[in-house]
Amino acid sequence: MRITFLIILLTCINLWSFSQEKSSESFPVDSSLTHASVSMCIADAEKGDIIMEYNSDISLMPASVMKIITSAAALEMLGPDYIFTTRLCYTGSLNKRTGKLTGNIVIIGGGDPALGSKYFSDNYKDFLNNWVNDIAKLGIKKIKGRIISDDSYYDFLPVPAKWLWEDEGNYYGAGAYGISVFDNTYDIHFKSAADSSHPVIENVVPELCKTDMSNFLLAHGDKDEGYVFAAPYSASGWLAGIIPVNQDDFVLKASISDPPLLLSKMLTEKLKERGIRLTGNPTSIRLEKKPLNEKVITITETSSPTLAEIISVLNHESVNLFAEHLIKELGKKFKNDGSTSSGAEVIKEFLCRSGINTYGMFIEDGSGLSPLNAINTRELVNLLIYMKNRGKYFPQYYSSLPDAGKNGTLKNYFKDPLFDSRLKAKSGSMTRVRSFAGYFTTLSGKNMAFSIIINNYTGPSKNITSAIEDIVKEIILKN
């Protein structure tokens, strides 16, 4: 199948210079592509001349290649040195003689996508204990009040409306909140036994994330196809699917249902461990259903890494959460509305100003997880060309893309030595979707921008990706 597919695509390339119409007619009926939609565009990244294209104007699901668009808009509009700030404050009055605070400790969110993230442990270190230390340094020994997370920076719709229910409870489907923490992810540890038995939940980390989960999981073979079904802000859900047999410690990574409330609870526990008593229970502005109107006094601030650093992880590791924060941040900064829909409007306006035709482009989120996203390869390539020639921050943008066969989501793709130090791209994958977009350099030194998207193929995905690699290799060799 791979050889057939390669012959087909090479035929398209060779016929392109003669007749685009003829090349379209030459596209085959291969068993893997009978019901598939294929779109490709490869262009000179400096001159803009198209080297090869096929169905480059049709709208297809891009999967994580959507992050190419979100990160470009965020970098250009916010700048690489942009940071997010979370403030720890208190309200009311503090009696320094008795150490009694008559008021609340307030965590004011600023949309930081990476607070406590495993990707930036050096930046945040043990920020919760640092917060406790800062509170203790003020002489606070008793709080006649509680911990309140002010999560009103964004809207209270953390998950885009067009996401699949299957995704929302899992780590990659974590929503974007005014206060996100620890990648909005927690671990459920299982012990599994023989085939067709029900795995047992051993523990949950952190334990405060434990909810009422109905367990319909089964142990079977060596398959990892377990899913968590839970909605944002919910206190219950269920587990379904298959995990491997005879595992002493198998972990499913789930999305935290209410990160702002979790952070309030965790800080409350940390303060109690230090001997600082509180009279009230932890809460959030969403639960209180009223804005914080009291005067606040800042205790300390916790800053994020720079946007350039966040985007580097976003594109290398394809972190959906970071992309969803960025689309909301664009809406917040430029339309004073921290919602996904407002952010999508900002991104489209940026694309239009950049000379990109957005007709037929549908942006439902920032990460590409929604199956209702749709873009075309020609305009995606035009964006890559714009970023290279007119973008203010192209070095940061370019460096954020994974290297062929070496790191990030390209670690297992483009491993032929020919691609070494020659290709950087973002990959995308969903069920029956494979996509790539980025840059490569030919043997003659020409810089190319490319995008290839295939939807609804059949058969093994490795055959599709191998054939795509062969096409890019052919162009590297012949141009």
Protein backbone atom coordinates (compact mmCIF):
# COMPACT_ATOMS: atom_id res chain seq x y z
CA MET A 1 0.00 0.00 0.00
CA ARG A 2 2.85 2.38 0.86
CA ILE A 3 4.46 1.88 -2.57
CA THR A 4 1.14 2.43 -4.35
CA PHE A 5 0.45 5.57 -2.36
CA LEU A 6 3.93 6.90 -3.06
CA ILE A 7 3.58 6.29 -6.81
CA ILE A 8 0.27 8.10 -6.75
CA LEU A 9 1.60 11.16 -4.98
CA LEU A 10 4.74 11.32 -7.08
CA THR A 11 2.52 11.22 -10.16
CA CYS A 12 0.68 14.22 -8.80
CA ILE A 13 3.96 16.07 -8.30
CA ASN A 14 5.23 15.31 -11.77
CA LEU A 15 1.97 16.22 -13.46
CA TRP A 16 1.54 19.44 -11.49
CA SER A 17 3.82 21.44 -13.76
CA PHE A 18 1.78 20.32 -16.76
CA SER A 19 -1.79 20.52 -15.53
CA GLN A 20 -3.37 20.89 -12.14
CA GLU A 21 -6.62 19.55 -13.50
CA LYS A 22 -4.87 16.52 -14.91
CA SER A 23 -3.06 15.86 -11.63
CA SER A 24 -6.40 15.91 -9.80
CA GLU A 25 -7.79 13.38 -12.22
CA SER A 26 -4.74 11.18 -11.75
CA PHE A 27 -5.32 10.77 -8.04
CA PRO A 28 -6.13 7.09 -7.58
CA VAL A 29 -8.56 4.77 -6.02
CA ASP A 30 -6.22 3.11 -3.55
CA SER A 31 -7.69 0.84 -0.88
CA SER A 32 -6.46 3.11 1.91
CA LEU A 33 -7.66 6.29 0.22
CA THR A 34 -10.93 5.24 -1.43
CA HIS A 35 -12.96 7.23 1.08
CA ALA A 36 -10.21 9.59 2.19
CA SER A 37 -9.77 13.32 1.69
CA VAL A 38 -6.22 14.41 0.88
CA SER A 39 -4.85 17.94 0.80
CA MET A 40 -1.24 18.97 0.19
CA CYS A 41 0.69 22.12 -0.48
CA ILE A 42 4.44 22.68 -0.71
CA ALA A 43 5.86 26.08 -1.59
CA ASP A 44 9.11 28.00 -1.72
CA ALA A 45 9.18 29.54 1.76
CA GLU A 46 10.89 32.71 0.57
CA LYS A 47 9.40 33.40 -2.87
CA GLY A 48 6.00 31.88 -2.22
CA ASP A 49 6.04 29.90 -5.47
CA ILE A 50 4.04 26.69 -5.22
CA ILE A 51 6.15 23.60 -5.88
CA MET A 52 3.34 21.06 -5.53
CA GLU A 53 -0.27 21.11 -4.44
CA TYR A 54 -3.21 18.75 -4.48
CA ASN A 55 -6.70 19.68 -3.28
CA SER A 56 -5.00 22.47 -1.38
CA ASP A 57 -8.17 24.55 -1.07
CA ILE A 58 -10.45 21.97 0.60
CA SER A 59 -11.22 22.29 4.31
CA LEU A 60 -10.11 19.34 6.44
CA MET A 61 -9.70 18.47 10.11
CA PRO A 62 -6.13 19.50 11.01
CA ALA A 63 -5.87 17.82 14.46
CA SER A 64 -2.90 19.29 16.39
CA VAL A 65 -1.58 21.15 13.35
CA MET A 66 -4.13 23.77 14.49
CA LYS A 67 -1.54 24.72 17.11
CA ILE A 68 0.59 26.15 14.28
CA ILE A 69 -2.08 28.84 13.86
CA THR A 70 -2.73 29.50 17.56
CA SER A 71 0.94 29.82 18.43
CA ALA A 72 1.62 32.12 15.49
CA ALA A 73 -1.19 34.49 16.50
CA ALA A 74 -0.16 34.44 20.17
CA LEU A 75 3.51 35.13 19.46
CA GLU A 76 2.84 37.92 17.00
CA MET A 77 0.15 39.65 19.07
CA LEU A 78 1.40 39.13 22.63
CA GLY A 79 5.15 38.92 22.05
CA PRO A 80 7.66 36.27 23.13
CA ASP A 81 8.36 37.90 26.52
CA TYR A 82 4.71 37.97 27.59
CA ILE A 83 4.12 36.40 31.01
CA PHE A 84 1.11 35.39 33.11
CA THR A 85 0.89 36.31 36.78
CA THR A 86 -0.95 34.66 39.69
CA ARG A 87 -1.38 36.84 42.77
CA LEU A 88 -1.66 35.68 46.36
CA CYS A 89 -3.50 38.32 48.40
CA TYR A 90 -5.51 38.86 51.55
CA THR A 91 -8.58 40.89 52.39
CA GLY A 92 -9.80 42.40 55.65
CA SER A 93 -7.63 43.40 58.60
CA LEU A 94 -4.52 41.84 60.09
CA ASN A 95 -3.75 42.20 63.78
CA LYS A 96 0.03 41.85 63.80
CA ARG A 97 0.13 41.56 67.60
CA THR A 98 -2.14 38.51 67.75
CA GLY A 99 -1.45 37.22 64.23
CA LYS A 100 -5.17 37.11 63.50
CA LEU A 101 -6.40 37.86 59.98
CA THR A 102 -10.05 38.79 59.89
CA GLY A 103 -10.58 38.26 56.21
CA ASN A 104 -9.70 35.82 53.46
CA ILE A 105 -6.66 34.63 51.60
CA VAL A 106 -7.38 35.13 47.90
CA ILE A 107 -5.66 33.49 44.93
CA ILE A 108 -6.23 35.78 41.95
CA GLY A 109 -5.79 33.94 38.68
CA GLY A 110 -4.23 35.55 35.64
CA GLY A 111 -4.75 32.78 33.10
CA ASP A 112 -1.36 31.10 33.62
CA PRO A 113 -1.48 27.88 31.58
CA ALA A 114 1.57 26.39 33.28
CA LEU A 115 1.24 27.03 37.04
CA GLY A 116 2.88 24.04 38.72
CA SER A 117 3.35 22.30 35.35
CA LYS A 118 5.67 19.30 35.16
CA TYR A 119 7.23 20.97 32.13
CA PHE A 120 8.36 23.99 34.16
CA SER A 121 9.26 22.61 37.56
CA ASP A 122 12.40 24.78 37.70
CA ASN A 123 10.33 27.92 37.22
CA TYR A 124 7.65 27.26 39.86
CA LYS A 125 9.60 24.98 42.23
CA ASP A 126 7.44 24.25 45.31
CA PHE A 127 5.24 27.29 44.85
CA LEU A 128 2.55 26.17 47.31
CA ASN A 129 5.00 25.86 50.20
CA ASN A 130 6.51 29.17 49.14
CA TRP A 131 3.05 30.72 49.42
CA VAL A 132 2.66 29.28 52.91
CA ASN A 133 6.05 30.71 53.86
CA ASP A 134 5.04 34.14 52.57
CA ILE A 135 1.80 34.02 54.57
CA ALA A 136 3.68 32.96 57.70
CA LYS A 137 6.21 35.78 57.24
CA LEU A 138 3.38 38.27 57.68
CA GLY A 139 2.88 36.85 61.16
CA ILE A 140 -0.49 35.29 60.31
CA LYS A 141 -1.36 32.53 62.80
CA LYS A 142 -5.12 32.35 62.51
CA ILE A 143 -7.47 33.23 59.66
CA LYS A 144 -11.05 34.12 60.50
CA GLY A 145 -12.03 33.40 56.93
CA ARG A 146 -11.06 31.01 54.17
CA ILE A 147 -9.12 30.49 50.98
CA ILE A 148 -10.90 31.83 47.89
CA SER A 149 -9.72 31.21 44.34
CA ASP A 150 -10.69 34.10 42.10
CA ASP A 151 -11.07 32.20 38.83
CA SER A 152 -13.04 34.92 37.04
CA TYR A 153 -10.21 35.94 34.68
CA TYR A 154 -11.68 33.74 31.92
CA ASP A 155 -15.25 32.60 31.42
CA PHE A 156 -16.59 29.60 33.30
CA LEU A 157 -16.79 27.42 30.18
CA PRO A 158 -13.42 25.67 30.39
CA VAL A 159 -14.04 23.10 27.65
CA PRO A 160 -14.86 24.23 24.09
CA ALA A 161 -18.43 23.33 23.18
CA LYS A 162 -17.41 21.31 20.13
CA TRP A 163 -15.19 18.80 21.94
CA LEU A 164 -16.10 15.11 22.15
CA TRP A 165 -17.48 13.74 25.40
CA GLU A 166 -14.93 10.91 25.16
CA ASP A 167 -12.06 13.41 25.51
CA GLU A 168 -13.17 15.75 28.28
CA GLY A 169 -12.38 13.57 31.29
CA ASN A 170 -8.89 12.64 30.13
CA TYR A 171 -5.64 14.57 30.59
CA TYR A 172 -5.48 15.68 26.95
CA GLY A 173 -9.04 17.04 27.24
CA ALA A 174 -8.37 19.24 30.28
CA GLY A 175 -10.12 22.59 30.02
CA ALA A 176 -8.67 26.09 30.43
CA TYR A 177 -9.65 27.89 33.64
CA GLY A 178 -8.92 31.32 35.07
CA ILE A 179 -6.73 29.35 37.46
CA SER A 180 -5.21 26.17 36.08
CA VAL A 181 -2.71 24.12 38.06
CA PHE A 182 -0.51 21.02 37.65
CA ASP A 183 -1.44 20.76 33.95
CA ASN A 184 -5.02 20.22 35.20
CA THR A 185 -4.13 16.54 35.43
CA TYR A 186 -4.35 13.90 38.15
CA ASP A 187 -3.43 10.20 38.24
CA ILE A 188 -5.71 7.25 38.92
CA HIS A 189 -3.67 4.17 39.90
CA PHE A 190 -5.07 0.69 39.16
CA LYS A 191 -4.22 -2.89 39.91
CA SER A 192 -5.42 -5.28 37.23
CA ALA A 193 -5.66 -9.07 37.23
CA ALA A 194 -6.77 -11.70 34.73
CA ASP A 195 -8.49 -11.15 31.39
CA SER A 196 -12.05 -9.78 31.63
CA SER A 197 -11.68 -8.88 35.32
CA HIS A 198 -12.40 -5.41 36.67
CA PRO A 199 -9.27 -3.44 37.62
CA VAL A 200 -9.27 -2.03 41.15
CA ILE A 201 -8.56 1.63 41.94
CA GLU A 202 -5.61 1.62 44.35
CA ASN A 203 -5.25 5.36 44.89
CA VAL A 204 -5.65 8.82 43.37
CA VAL A 205 -2.87 11.43 43.20
CA PRO A 206 -3.42 14.07 44.44
CA GLU A 207 -5.97 12.49 46.79
CA LEU A 208 -8.05 15.67 46.86
CA CYS A 209 -9.01 14.94 43.23
CA LYS A 210 -10.82 11.76 44.26
CA THR A 211 -14.42 11.75 43.06
CA ASP A 212 -17.27 9.27 42.86
CA MET A 213 -16.23 7.18 39.85
CA SER A 214 -18.26 4.21 38.61
CA ASN A 215 -15.77 1.65 37.34
CA PHE A 216 -16.68 -0.19 34.14
CA LEU A 217 -13.07 -0.84 33.09
CA LEU A 218 -11.99 -4.30 32.00
CA ALA A 219 -8.53 -5.88 31.86
CA HIS A 220 -7.73 -7.34 28.45
CA GLY A 221 -4.47 -8.22 26.69
CA ASP A 222 -1.93 -5.42 26.57
CA LYS A 223 -4.24 -2.69 25.32
CA ASP A 224 -4.30 0.78 26.84
CA GLU A 225 -7.75 1.98 25.83
CA GLY A 226 -9.14 3.20 29.14
CA TYR A 227 -11.12 6.43 29.30
CA VAL A 228 -12.38 8.74 32.02
CA PHE A 229 -15.82 10.21 31.43
CA ALA A 230 -16.32 13.33 33.54
CA ALA A 231 -17.41 16.91 32.91
CA PRO A 232 -15.78 20.10 34.21
CA TYR A 233 -16.92 21.03 37.74
CA SER A 234 -18.46 17.56 38.25
CA ALA A 235 -18.07 15.48 41.42
CA SER A 236 -18.71 12.16 39.70
CA GLY A 237 -18.18 10.26 36.47
CA TRP A 238 -17.26 6.83 35.22
CA LEU A 239 -14.41 4.78 33.83
CA ALA A 240 -14.77 2.62 30.74
CA GLY A 241 -12.69 0.75 28.20
CA ILE A 242 -9.74 -1.62 28.45
CA ILE A 243 -6.40 -1.59 30.26
CA PRO A 244 -3.66 -4.27 30.26
CA VAL A 245 -3.94 -7.42 32.39
CA ASN A 246 -1.82 -8.23 35.46
CA GLN A 247 -0.60 -4.72 36.20
CA ASP A 248 0.49 -3.80 39.73
CA ASP A 249 0.38 -0.08 39.04
CA PHE A 250 -1.32 1.06 35.85
CA VAL A 251 -2.06 4.79 35.64
CA LEU A 252 -4.82 6.61 33.82
CA LYS A 253 -4.28 10.36 33.60
CA ALA A 254 -7.50 12.27 34.09
CA SER A 255 -8.45 15.94 33.87
CA ILE A 256 -9.01 17.81 37.13
CA SER A 257 -12.68 18.77 37.23
CA ASP A 258 -12.25 22.02 39.20
CA PRO A 259 -8.61 23.25 39.34
CA PRO A 260 -9.41 26.57 41.11
CA LEU A 261 -11.23 24.78 43.92
CA LEU A 262 -8.49 22.14 44.14
CA LEU A 263 -5.87 24.87 44.61
CA SER A 264 -7.94 26.44 47.41
CA LYS A 265 -8.20 23.06 49.11
CA MET A 266 -4.50 22.33 48.76
CA LEU A 267 -3.45 25.69 50.17
CA THR A 268 -5.89 25.22 53.06
CA GLU A 269 -4.31 21.86 53.90
CA LYS A 270 -0.79 23.29 53.65
CA LEU A 271 -1.65 26.10 56.05
CA LYS A 272 -3.20 23.69 58.55
CA GLU A 273 -0.07 21.54 58.40
CA ARG A 274 1.92 24.67 59.32
CA GLY A 275 -0.39 25.27 62.27
CA ILE A 276 -2.27 28.20 60.71
CA ARG A 277 -5.96 27.71 61.47
CA LEU A 278 -8.86 28.75 59.24
CA THR A 279 -12.51 29.03 60.23
CA GLY A 280 -14.04 28.72 56.75
CA ASN A 281 -13.99 26.11 54.01
CA PRO A 282 -12.10 26.64 50.73
CA THR A 283 -14.11 27.96 47.81
CA SER A 284 -13.94 29.85 44.50
CA ILE A 285 -15.54 32.90 42.96
CA ARG A 286 -17.53 30.64 40.64
CA LEU A 287 -19.07 28.85 43.59
CA GLU A 288 -19.68 32.10 45.47
CA LYS A 289 -21.52 33.45 42.40
CA LYS A 290 -20.35 37.00 43.04
CA PRO A 291 -17.25 38.97 42.10
CA LEU A 292 -14.56 39.88 44.58
CA ASN A 293 -15.38 43.48 45.49
CA GLU A 294 -13.18 43.78 48.58
CA LYS A 295 -9.87 45.59 48.64
CA VAL A 296 -7.00 43.13 48.35
CA ILE A 297 -3.43 43.42 49.61
CA THR A 298 -0.85 41.49 47.62
CA ILE A 299 1.28 39.03 49.57
CA THR A 300 3.28 37.69 46.62
CA GLU A 301 3.12 37.08 42.89
CA THR A 302 4.03 33.97 40.91
CA SER A 303 5.06 34.54 37.31
CA SER A 304 4.95 32.10 34.43
CA PRO A 305 7.79 31.32 32.03
CA THR A 306 7.81 33.55 28.96
CA LEU A 307 5.32 32.96 26.18
CA ALA A 308 8.16 31.82 23.92
CA GLU A 309 9.05 29.10 26.44
CA ILE A 310 5.41 28.06 26.82
CA ILE A 311 4.93 27.88 23.05
CA SER A 312 8.09 25.81 22.68
CA VAL A 313 6.59 23.16 24.98
CA LEU A 314 3.15 23.61 23.38
CA ASN A 315 4.43 22.73 19.91
CA HIS A 316 7.10 20.21 20.89
CA GLU A 317 4.86 18.19 23.21
CA SER A 318 1.51 19.16 21.66
CA VAL A 319 -0.02 20.29 24.97
CA ASN A 320 -3.70 20.96 24.32
CA LEU A 321 -4.16 22.82 27.61
CA PHE A 322 -1.58 25.46 26.73
CA ALA A 323 -3.21 26.10 23.35
CA GLU A 324 -6.65 26.47 24.93
CA HIS A 325 -5.27 29.02 27.37
CA LEU A 326 -3.68 31.00 24.56
CA ILE A 327 -6.86 31.27 22.51
CA LYS A 328 -8.70 32.53 25.59
CA GLU A 329 -5.88 34.93 26.43
CA LEU A 330 -6.16 36.48 22.97
CA GLY A 331 -9.88 36.99 23.53
CA LYS A 332 -9.22 38.48 26.97
CA LYS A 333 -6.53 40.92 25.83
CA PHE A 334 -8.04 42.12 22.59
CA LYS A 335 -11.80 41.83 23.19
CA ASN A 336 -11.94 41.87 27.00
CA ASP A 337 -13.65 38.49 26.85
CA GLY A 338 -11.74 35.44 27.99
CA SER A 339 -13.68 32.94 25.93
CA THR A 340 -12.76 30.50 23.18
CA SER A 341 -15.15 32.12 20.71
CA SER A 342 -13.67 35.61 21.23
CA GLY A 343 -10.17 34.20 20.90
CA ALA A 344 -11.13 32.52 17.63
CA GLU A 345 -12.33 35.89 16.32
CA VAL A 346 -9.00 37.48 17.26
CA ILE A 347 -7.08 34.72 15.50
CA LYS A 348 -9.15 35.13 12.33
CA GLU A 349 -8.58 38.89 12.39
CA PHE A 350 -4.84 38.28 12.74
CA LEU A 351 -4.91 35.89 9.80
CA CYS A 352 -6.78 38.37 7.63
CA ARG A 353 -4.28 41.13 8.44
CA SER A 354 -1.53 38.68 7.48
CA GLY A 355 -3.02 38.16 4.04
CA ILE A 356 -4.51 34.74 4.80
CA ASN A 357 -7.85 33.87 3.21
CA THR A 358 -10.02 32.61 6.08
CA TYR A 359 -13.02 31.74 3.91
CA GLY A 360 -13.79 28.10 4.61
CA MET A 361 -11.64 28.12 7.74
CA PHE A 362 -13.42 26.97 10.91
CA ILE A 363 -11.75 27.51 14.28
CA GLU A 364 -13.53 25.86 17.21
CA ASP A 365 -10.61 25.71 19.63
CA GLY A 366 -6.92 26.49 19.96
CA SER A 367 -5.50 22.96 20.09
CA GLY A 368 -7.19 21.08 17.24
CA LEU A 369 -8.98 18.59 19.49
CA SER A 370 -12.42 19.46 18.12
CA PRO A 371 -13.45 17.36 15.10
CA LEU A 372 -15.26 20.44 13.76
CA ASN A 373 -12.07 22.44 13.14
CA ALA A 374 -11.29 22.75 9.45
CA ILE A 375 -8.49 24.46 7.54
CA ASN A 376 -6.87 24.08 4.13
CA THR A 377 -3.24 23.38 3.38
CA ARG A 378 -2.73 26.30 0.98
CA GLU A 379 -3.59 28.96 3.55
CA LEU A 380 -1.67 27.12 6.25
CA VAL A 381 1.40 27.23 4.02
CA ASN A 382 0.72 30.91 3.36
CA LEU A 383 0.79 31.48 7.12
CA LEU A 384 4.11 29.65 7.41
CA ILE A 385 5.51 31.82 4.59
CA TYR A 386 4.19 34.96 6.31
CA MET A 387 5.83 34.00 9.60
CA LYS A 388 9.17 33.35 7.89
CA ASN A 389 9.28 36.56 5.85
CA ARG A 390 7.19 39.08 7.76
CA GLY A 391 6.72 37.68 11.24
CA LYS A 392 8.30 39.70 14.02
CA TYR A 393 9.27 36.66 16.03
CA PHE A 394 10.09 33.98 13.49
CA PRO A 395 13.20 32.64 15.34
CA GLN A 396 11.06 31.82 18.39
CA TYR A 397 8.30 30.40 16.21
CA TYR A 398 10.66 28.24 14.18
CA SER A 399 12.52 26.93 17.22
CA SER A 400 9.21 25.87 18.82
CA LEU A 401 8.71 23.21 16.13
CA PRO A 402 10.03 19.68 16.78
CA ASP A 403 13.10 18.44 14.90
CA ALA A 404 12.70 15.55 12.49
CA GLY A 405 13.26 12.19 14.18
CA LYS A 406 14.71 13.74 17.33
CA ASN A 407 12.28 15.27 19.77
CA GLY A 408 8.71 16.13 20.64
CA THR A 409 5.95 14.70 18.52
CA LEU A 410 8.37 14.17 15.59
CA LYS A 411 10.59 11.82 17.59
CA ASN A 412 9.24 8.79 15.71
CA TYR A 413 8.73 10.47 12.32
CA PHE A 414 11.13 11.55 9.55
CA LYS A 415 13.94 9.42 11.01
CA ASP A 416 15.79 8.99 7.70
CA PRO A 417 19.24 10.67 8.03
CA LEU A 418 18.31 12.85 5.05
CA PHE A 419 15.90 14.80 7.29
CA ASP A 420 18.46 15.36 10.03
CA SER A 421 18.79 19.12 10.76
CA ARG A 422 16.77 19.71 7.60
CA LEU A 423 13.11 19.52 8.70
CA LYS A 424 11.09 21.04 11.54
CA ALA A 425 7.34 20.52 11.69
CA LYS A 426 4.23 20.11 13.80
CA SER A 427 2.39 16.81 13.55
CA GLY A 428 -1.25 16.12 14.19
CA SER A 429 -3.17 12.93 14.78
CA MET A 430 -6.71 11.91 15.63
CA THR A 431 -8.73 8.86 14.72
CA ARG A 432 -8.41 8.58 10.91
CA VAL A 433 -6.54 11.91 10.72
CA ARG A 434 -2.84 12.47 10.03
CA SER A 435 -1.35 15.89 9.37
CA PHE A 436 2.01 17.66 9.17
CA ALA A 437 3.02 21.28 8.65
CA GLY A 438 6.32 23.08 8.88
CA TYR A 439 9.56 23.78 7.03
CA PHE A 440 12.32 21.82 5.32
CA THR A 441 15.41 22.57 3.24
CA THR A 442 16.25 20.84 -0.03
CA LEU A 443 19.67 19.53 -0.98
CA SER A 444 20.17 22.57 -3.20
CA GLY A 445 19.50 24.86 -0.22
CA LYS A 446 15.94 25.96 -1.01
CA ASN A 447 13.71 26.61 1.99
CA MET A 448 10.25 25.07 1.72
CA ALA A 449 7.02 25.45 3.67
CA PHE A 450 4.68 22.49 3.57
CA SER A 451 1.40 21.13 4.85
CA ILE A 452 -0.17 17.73 4.28
CA ILE A 453 -3.53 16.68 5.76
CA ILE A 454 -5.29 13.35 5.25
CA ASN A 455 -8.74 12.61 6.69
CA ASN A 456 -10.67 9.34 6.82
CA TYR A 457 -8.05 6.95 5.50
CA THR A 458 -8.25 3.23 6.20
CA GLY A 459 -5.53 0.80 7.20
CA PRO A 460 -2.46 1.37 9.41
CA SER A 461 -1.51 4.99 10.01
CA LYS A 462 2.19 4.10 9.79
CA ASN A 463 1.74 3.37 6.08
CA ILE A 464 0.23 6.80 5.51
CA THR A 465 2.95 8.63 7.44
CA SER A 466 5.72 6.62 5.75
CA ALA A 467 4.37 7.56 2.33
CA ILE A 468 4.21 11.23 3.34
CA GLU A 469 7.84 11.04 4.46
CA ASP A 470 8.79 9.58 1.08
CA ILE A 471 7.08 12.44 -0.75
CA VAL A 472 8.96 15.07 1.26
CA LYS A 473 12.18 13.12 0.75
CA GLU A 474 11.63 13.10 -3.01
CA ILE A 475 11.20 16.86 -3.10
CA ILE A 476 14.28 17.37 -0.93
CA LEU A 477 16.31 15.33 -3.41
CA LYS A 478 14.96 16.85 -6.64
CA ASN A 479 14.63 20.56 -5.83
